[in-house]
């Protein structure tokens, strides 16, 4: 084989190796790495069930539910299982409640909203929805 043919063959093989290595390098660099889950600034955060604002939200939710049932004895609070707070154009309090509902023990998820004018409203009352 002639020396010029060997030189040309080396250039072709060298070029192919370079292109293959560059392709692998850029493919690897172009893939995104997994990012850790970001903590949302307005996510619900656990608060003590004895917190004054939680108690106010609880009393408002119970009074609202009793008014809707047209009976003071329709439900009786057994305990507050959990309480969470979210700041979002006012405040949201998400409560998980254990209640006596006309002789049966049941749970309820209540979301009570306090707007920027400090007015309360019940955004959600769902029976049996704790833990969901």
N, C-alpha and C. Protein backbone atom coordinates (compact mmCIF):
# COMPACT_ATOMS: atom_id res chain seq x y z
N UNK A 1 0.85 -1.16 0.00
CA UNK A 1 0.00 0.00 0.00
C UNK A 1 0.90 1.23 0.00
N UNK A 2 0.49 2.27 -0.68
CA UNK A 2 1.29 3.47 -0.81
C UNK A 2 1.19 4.29 0.48
N UNK A 3 2.24 5.05 0.80
CA UNK A 3 2.21 5.87 2.00
C UNK A 3 1.11 6.93 1.96
N UNK A 4 0.78 7.46 0.81
CA UNK A 4 -0.29 8.48 0.74
C UNK A 4 -1.65 7.85 1.02
N UNK A 5 -1.84 6.61 0.61
CA UNK A 5 -3.10 5.92 0.88
C UNK A 5 -3.25 5.63 2.37
N UNK A 6 -2.12 5.28 3.05
CA UNK A 6 -2.16 5.05 4.50
C UNK A 6 -2.52 6.34 5.24
N UNK A 7 -1.89 7.44 4.79
CA UNK A 7 -2.15 8.72 5.42
C UNK A 7 -3.63 9.12 5.26
N UNK A 8 -4.18 8.92 4.10
CA UNK A 8 -5.58 9.25 3.83
C UNK A 8 -6.50 8.37 4.69
N UNK A 9 -6.17 7.10 4.81
CA UNK A 9 -6.96 6.17 5.63
C UNK A 9 -6.95 6.58 7.09
N UNK A 10 -5.76 7.02 7.60
CA UNK A 10 -5.67 7.47 8.99
C UNK A 10 -6.52 8.71 9.22
N UNK A 11 -6.51 9.63 8.23
CA UNK A 11 -7.31 10.84 8.36
C UNK A 11 -8.80 10.51 8.40
N UNK A 12 -9.21 9.57 7.59
CA UNK A 12 -10.62 9.19 7.55
C UNK A 12 -11.03 8.53 8.86
N UNK A 13 -10.21 7.60 9.34
CA UNK A 13 -10.51 6.92 10.61
C UNK A 13 -10.46 7.92 11.77
N UNK A 14 -9.46 8.78 11.79
CA UNK A 14 -9.34 9.80 12.84
C UNK A 14 -10.53 10.75 12.85
N UNK A 15 -10.97 11.16 11.66
CA UNK A 15 -12.13 12.05 11.55
C UNK A 15 -13.40 11.37 12.05
N UNK A 16 -13.56 10.09 11.70
CA UNK A 16 -14.74 9.35 12.14
C UNK A 16 -14.76 9.21 13.66
N UNK A 17 -13.60 8.92 14.25
CA UNK A 17 -13.50 8.79 15.71
C UNK A 17 -13.82 10.14 16.36
N UNK A 18 -13.29 11.23 15.79
CA UNK A 18 -13.55 12.57 16.34
C UNK A 18 -15.05 12.90 16.29
N UNK A 19 -15.69 12.64 15.17
CA UNK A 19 -17.12 12.93 15.03
C UNK A 19 -17.93 12.08 16.01
N UNK A 20 -17.58 10.81 16.18
CA UNK A 20 -18.29 9.94 17.13
C UNK A 20 -18.12 10.45 18.56
N UNK A 21 -16.89 10.82 18.93
CA UNK A 21 -16.64 11.31 20.29
C UNK A 21 -17.38 12.63 20.54
N UNK A 22 -17.37 13.52 19.55
CA UNK A 22 -18.06 14.80 19.69
C UNK A 22 -19.57 14.59 19.82
N UNK A 23 -20.11 13.66 19.05
CA UNK A 23 -21.55 13.38 19.11
C UNK A 23 -21.94 12.87 20.50
N UNK A 24 -21.17 11.94 21.03
CA UNK A 24 -21.45 11.39 22.37
C UNK A 24 -21.34 12.49 23.43
N UNK A 25 -20.31 13.33 23.32
CA UNK A 25 -20.10 14.40 24.29
C UNK A 25 -21.27 15.38 24.28
N UNK A 26 -21.68 15.84 23.11
CA UNK A 26 -22.76 16.81 23.03
C UNK A 26 -24.12 16.21 23.40
N UNK A 27 -24.34 14.94 23.09
CA UNK A 27 -25.59 14.30 23.50
C UNK A 27 -25.68 14.21 25.02
N UNK A 28 -24.57 13.86 25.65
CA UNK A 28 -24.53 13.76 27.11
C UNK A 28 -24.72 15.12 27.75
N UNK A 29 -24.04 16.13 27.22
CA UNK A 29 -24.14 17.48 27.79
C UNK A 29 -25.52 18.08 27.58
N UNK A 30 -26.20 17.68 26.53
CA UNK A 30 -27.51 18.25 26.22
C UNK A 30 -28.64 17.69 27.05
N UNK A 31 -28.43 16.57 27.72
CA UNK A 31 -29.50 15.98 28.52
C UNK A 31 -29.59 16.71 29.85
N UNK A 32 -30.81 17.03 30.26
CA UNK A 32 -30.98 17.76 31.51
C UNK A 32 -30.90 16.79 32.68
N UNK A 33 -30.31 17.27 33.75
CA UNK A 33 -30.22 16.45 34.95
C UNK A 33 -31.49 16.69 35.77
N UNK A 34 -31.92 15.70 36.54
CA UNK A 34 -33.13 15.88 37.34
C UNK A 34 -32.89 16.95 38.41
N UNK A 35 -33.88 17.81 38.60
CA UNK A 35 -33.78 18.88 39.58
C UNK A 35 -34.57 18.49 40.81
N UNK A 36 -34.10 18.89 41.97
CA UNK A 36 -34.87 18.59 43.18
C UNK A 36 -36.19 19.35 43.16
N UNK A 37 -37.18 18.74 43.77
CA UNK A 37 -38.50 19.37 43.81
C UNK A 37 -38.43 20.67 44.58
N UNK A 38 -38.91 21.72 43.99
CA UNK A 38 -38.89 23.02 44.63
C UNK A 38 -40.02 23.12 45.66
N UNK A 39 -39.73 23.77 46.75
CA UNK A 39 -40.75 24.00 47.77
C UNK A 39 -41.52 25.24 47.35
N UNK A 40 -42.81 25.06 47.15
CA UNK A 40 -43.63 26.20 46.75
C UNK A 40 -43.79 27.15 47.93
N UNK A 41 -43.62 28.44 47.68
CA UNK A 41 -43.71 29.39 48.79
C UNK A 41 -45.11 29.49 49.39
N UNK A 42 -46.15 29.17 48.63
CA UNK A 42 -47.51 29.28 49.16
C UNK A 42 -48.14 27.92 49.44
N UNK A 43 -47.32 26.94 49.75
CA UNK A 43 -47.83 25.60 50.06
C UNK A 43 -48.41 25.59 51.48
N UNK A 44 -49.28 24.63 51.74
CA UNK A 44 -49.82 24.47 53.08
C UNK A 44 -48.71 24.03 54.03
N UNK A 45 -48.70 24.61 55.22
CA UNK A 45 -47.73 24.25 56.25
C UNK A 45 -48.49 23.88 57.53
N UNK A 46 -48.02 22.84 58.19
CA UNK A 46 -48.67 22.38 59.42
C UNK A 46 -48.55 23.45 60.50
N UNK A 47 -49.62 23.63 61.25
CA UNK A 47 -49.63 24.55 62.39
C UNK A 47 -50.25 23.81 63.57
N UNK A 48 -49.93 24.25 64.79
CA UNK A 48 -50.51 23.59 65.97
C UNK A 48 -52.04 23.74 66.00
N UNK A 49 -52.70 22.70 66.41
CA UNK A 49 -54.17 22.74 66.47
C UNK A 49 -54.66 23.69 67.57
N UNK A 50 -53.76 24.06 68.48
CA UNK A 50 -54.13 24.98 69.55
C UNK A 50 -53.93 26.45 69.16
N UNK A 51 -53.45 26.71 67.95
CA UNK A 51 -53.21 28.07 67.48
C UNK A 51 -54.51 28.88 67.52
N UNK A 52 -54.41 30.15 67.93
CA UNK A 52 -55.59 31.01 68.08
C UNK A 52 -56.35 31.17 66.76
N UNK A 53 -55.63 31.37 65.65
CA UNK A 53 -56.29 31.54 64.36
C UNK A 53 -56.96 30.24 63.89
N UNK A 54 -56.34 29.11 64.21
CA UNK A 54 -56.94 27.81 63.88
C UNK A 54 -58.25 27.65 64.64
N UNK A 55 -58.25 28.02 65.91
CA UNK A 55 -59.47 27.92 66.73
C UNK A 55 -60.58 28.83 66.19
N UNK A 56 -60.19 30.03 65.74
CA UNK A 56 -61.18 30.95 65.16
C UNK A 56 -61.76 30.36 63.88
N UNK A 57 -60.89 29.82 63.02
CA UNK A 57 -61.35 29.19 61.77
C UNK A 57 -62.25 27.99 62.08
N UNK A 58 -61.87 27.20 63.08
CA UNK A 58 -62.66 26.03 63.48
C UNK A 58 -64.05 26.45 63.95
N UNK A 59 -64.11 27.44 64.82
CA UNK A 59 -65.40 27.91 65.33
C UNK A 59 -66.28 28.44 64.20
N UNK A 60 -65.68 29.15 63.25
CA UNK A 60 -66.45 29.67 62.12
C UNK A 60 -66.99 28.52 61.27
N UNK A 61 -66.15 27.52 61.00
CA UNK A 61 -66.58 26.38 60.17
C UNK A 61 -67.69 25.59 60.85
N UNK A 62 -67.56 25.35 62.14
CA UNK A 62 -68.60 24.61 62.87
C UNK A 62 -69.92 25.39 62.90
N UNK A 63 -69.84 26.68 63.13
CA UNK A 63 -71.05 27.50 63.15
C UNK A 63 -71.72 27.51 61.78
N UNK A 64 -70.92 27.58 60.73
CA UNK A 64 -71.46 27.56 59.37
C UNK A 64 -72.15 26.23 59.07
N UNK A 65 -71.52 25.13 59.48
CA UNK A 65 -72.10 23.81 59.23
C UNK A 65 -73.39 23.61 60.04
N UNK A 66 -73.39 24.08 61.27
CA UNK A 66 -74.60 23.97 62.10
C UNK A 66 -75.72 24.82 61.52
N UNK A 67 -75.39 26.00 60.97
CA UNK A 67 -76.40 26.85 60.34
C UNK A 67 -76.98 26.16 59.10
N UNK A 68 -76.12 25.51 58.32
CA UNK A 68 -76.60 24.82 57.12
C UNK A 68 -77.49 23.63 57.46
N UNK A 69 -77.18 22.97 58.58
CA UNK A 69 -77.99 21.82 59.03
C UNK A 69 -79.22 22.26 59.82
N UNK A 70 -79.31 23.55 60.12
CA UNK A 70 -80.42 24.11 60.91
C UNK A 70 -80.57 23.41 62.26
N UNK A 71 -79.43 23.03 62.83
CA UNK A 71 -79.48 22.33 64.12
C UNK A 71 -78.15 22.50 64.84
N UNK A 72 -78.22 22.86 66.12
CA UNK A 72 -77.00 22.96 66.92
C UNK A 72 -76.49 21.60 67.35
N UNK A 73 -77.36 20.59 67.33
CA UNK A 73 -76.96 19.26 67.80
C UNK A 73 -76.63 18.30 66.65
N UNK A 74 -76.63 18.79 65.41
CA UNK A 74 -76.37 17.90 64.26
C UNK A 74 -74.95 17.36 64.28
N UNK A 75 -73.99 18.20 64.68
CA UNK A 75 -72.60 17.74 64.75
C UNK A 75 -71.97 18.23 66.06
N UNK A 76 -71.06 17.41 66.58
CA UNK A 76 -70.31 17.75 67.78
C UNK A 76 -68.84 17.45 67.51
N UNK A 77 -67.99 18.42 67.77
CA UNK A 77 -66.56 18.24 67.55
C UNK A 77 -65.99 17.27 68.57
N UNK A 78 -65.28 16.24 68.08
CA UNK A 78 -64.57 15.33 68.97
C UNK A 78 -63.12 15.77 69.12
N UNK A 79 -62.46 16.06 67.98
CA UNK A 79 -61.07 16.55 68.03
C UNK A 79 -60.67 17.14 66.68
N UNK A 80 -59.62 17.95 66.74
CA UNK A 80 -59.00 18.46 65.52
C UNK A 80 -57.81 17.55 65.24
N UNK A 81 -57.88 16.79 64.16
CA UNK A 81 -56.83 15.81 63.85
C UNK A 81 -55.58 16.49 63.29
N UNK A 82 -55.76 17.51 62.45
CA UNK A 82 -54.62 18.25 61.91
C UNK A 82 -55.09 19.62 61.45
N UNK A 83 -54.12 20.53 61.39
CA UNK A 83 -54.41 21.88 60.91
C UNK A 83 -53.23 22.36 60.08
N UNK A 84 -53.56 23.01 58.96
CA UNK A 84 -52.53 23.54 58.07
C UNK A 84 -52.92 24.96 57.66
N UNK A 85 -51.90 25.76 57.38
CA UNK A 85 -52.11 27.16 57.00
C UNK A 85 -51.45 27.43 55.66
N UNK A 86 -52.11 28.25 54.85
CA UNK A 86 -51.57 28.68 53.56
C UNK A 86 -51.84 30.17 53.42
N UNK A 87 -50.78 30.93 53.10
CA UNK A 87 -50.94 32.36 52.85
C UNK A 87 -51.11 32.55 51.35
N UNK A 88 -52.28 33.05 50.94
CA UNK A 88 -52.56 33.23 49.52
C UNK A 88 -53.71 34.22 49.38
N UNK A 89 -53.40 35.48 49.12
CA UNK A 89 -54.42 36.53 49.03
C UNK A 89 -55.37 36.43 50.21
N UNK A 90 -54.80 36.46 51.37
CA UNK A 90 -55.51 36.21 52.60
C UNK A 90 -54.91 34.96 53.22
N UNK A 91 -55.69 34.23 53.95
CA UNK A 91 -55.20 33.01 54.60
C UNK A 91 -56.20 31.89 54.41
N UNK A 92 -55.69 30.69 54.16
CA UNK A 92 -56.51 29.48 54.11
C UNK A 92 -56.09 28.59 55.27
N UNK A 93 -57.06 28.05 55.96
CA UNK A 93 -56.81 27.09 57.03
C UNK A 93 -57.48 25.79 56.62
N UNK A 94 -56.68 24.74 56.48
CA UNK A 94 -57.21 23.42 56.10
C UNK A 94 -57.23 22.57 57.37
N UNK A 95 -58.41 22.16 57.76
CA UNK A 95 -58.60 21.43 59.01
C UNK A 95 -59.11 20.03 58.74
N UNK A 96 -58.59 19.08 59.48
CA UNK A 96 -59.11 17.71 59.45
C UNK A 96 -59.76 17.48 60.81
N UNK A 97 -61.06 17.22 60.79
CA UNK A 97 -61.84 17.17 62.02
C UNK A 97 -62.43 15.80 62.25
N UNK A 98 -62.48 15.40 63.52
CA UNK A 98 -63.21 14.21 63.93
C UNK A 98 -64.49 14.70 64.60
N UNK A 99 -65.64 14.23 64.11
CA UNK A 99 -66.92 14.75 64.56
C UNK A 99 -67.89 13.64 64.90
N UNK A 100 -68.79 13.94 65.82
CA UNK A 100 -69.94 13.07 66.08
C UNK A 100 -71.06 13.64 65.22
N UNK A 101 -71.50 12.85 64.27
CA UNK A 101 -72.52 13.29 63.30
C UNK A 101 -73.80 12.51 63.56
N UNK A 102 -74.64 13.07 64.40
CA UNK A 102 -75.90 12.42 64.79
C UNK A 102 -75.69 10.99 65.28
N UNK A 103 -74.71 10.84 66.19
CA UNK A 103 -74.46 9.54 66.80
C UNK A 103 -73.40 8.70 66.12
N UNK A 104 -72.93 9.10 64.94
CA UNK A 104 -71.88 8.35 64.23
C UNK A 104 -70.60 9.18 64.21
N UNK A 105 -69.47 8.52 64.41
CA UNK A 105 -68.19 9.20 64.30
C UNK A 105 -67.80 9.31 62.84
N UNK A 106 -67.41 10.50 62.42
CA UNK A 106 -67.05 10.75 61.03
C UNK A 106 -65.92 11.77 61.00
N UNK A 107 -65.27 11.89 59.86
CA UNK A 107 -64.26 12.92 59.68
C UNK A 107 -64.72 13.89 58.61
N UNK A 108 -64.17 15.08 58.67
CA UNK A 108 -64.49 16.10 57.66
C UNK A 108 -63.24 16.93 57.39
N UNK A 109 -63.07 17.28 56.14
CA UNK A 109 -62.01 18.20 55.73
C UNK A 109 -62.68 19.55 55.50
N UNK A 110 -62.20 20.57 56.20
CA UNK A 110 -62.75 21.92 56.03
C UNK A 110 -61.63 22.86 55.63
N UNK A 111 -61.90 23.69 54.64
CA UNK A 111 -60.97 24.75 54.26
C UNK A 111 -61.70 26.06 54.53
N UNK A 112 -61.13 26.84 55.43
CA UNK A 112 -61.73 28.11 55.82
C UNK A 112 -60.82 29.23 55.33
N UNK A 113 -61.41 30.19 54.64
CA UNK A 113 -60.63 31.29 54.05
C UNK A 113 -60.90 32.58 54.82
N UNK A 114 -59.82 33.32 55.07
CA UNK A 114 -59.94 34.66 55.64
C UNK A 114 -59.35 35.62 54.62
N UNK A 115 -60.17 36.53 54.10
CA UNK A 115 -59.68 37.43 53.06
C UNK A 115 -58.86 38.57 53.67
N UNK A 116 -58.40 39.47 52.82
CA UNK A 116 -57.53 40.55 53.29
C UNK A 116 -58.27 41.56 54.15
N UNK A 117 -59.60 41.54 54.08
CA UNK A 117 -60.41 42.41 54.94
C UNK A 117 -60.78 41.70 56.24
N UNK A 118 -60.18 40.53 56.45
CA UNK A 118 -60.37 39.70 57.64
C UNK A 118 -61.80 39.17 57.77
N UNK A 119 -62.43 38.90 56.63
CA UNK A 119 -63.76 38.29 56.60
C UNK A 119 -63.58 36.79 56.36
N UNK A 120 -64.32 35.98 57.12
CA UNK A 120 -64.19 34.53 57.05
C UNK A 120 -65.24 33.93 56.12
N UNK A 121 -64.86 32.82 55.46
CA UNK A 121 -65.82 32.05 54.66
C UNK A 121 -65.34 30.60 54.60
N UNK A 122 -66.28 29.68 54.49
CA UNK A 122 -65.94 28.26 54.35
C UNK A 122 -65.84 27.96 52.86
N UNK A 123 -64.63 27.62 52.41
CA UNK A 123 -64.40 27.32 51.00
C UNK A 123 -64.72 25.86 50.68
N UNK A 124 -64.58 24.98 51.67
CA UNK A 124 -64.81 23.55 51.44
C UNK A 124 -65.23 22.89 52.74
N UNK A 125 -66.21 22.02 52.64
CA UNK A 125 -66.55 21.11 53.74
C UNK A 125 -66.82 19.77 53.08
N UNK A 126 -65.95 18.79 53.31
CA UNK A 126 -66.09 17.48 52.67
C UNK A 126 -66.06 16.40 53.75
N UNK A 127 -67.15 15.65 53.83
CA UNK A 127 -67.23 14.56 54.80
C UNK A 127 -66.33 13.41 54.36
N UNK A 128 -65.61 12.84 55.33
CA UNK A 128 -64.76 11.67 55.08
C UNK A 128 -63.56 11.94 54.20
N UNK A 129 -63.17 13.19 54.04
CA UNK A 129 -62.09 13.52 53.10
C UNK A 129 -60.72 13.69 53.75
N UNK A 130 -60.59 13.44 55.02
CA UNK A 130 -59.27 13.56 55.66
C UNK A 130 -58.34 12.49 55.12
N UNK A 131 -57.10 12.87 54.88
CA UNK A 131 -56.11 11.92 54.38
C UNK A 131 -56.14 11.77 52.88
N UNK A 132 -56.90 12.55 52.18
CA UNK A 132 -56.98 12.48 50.72
C UNK A 132 -56.38 13.72 50.12
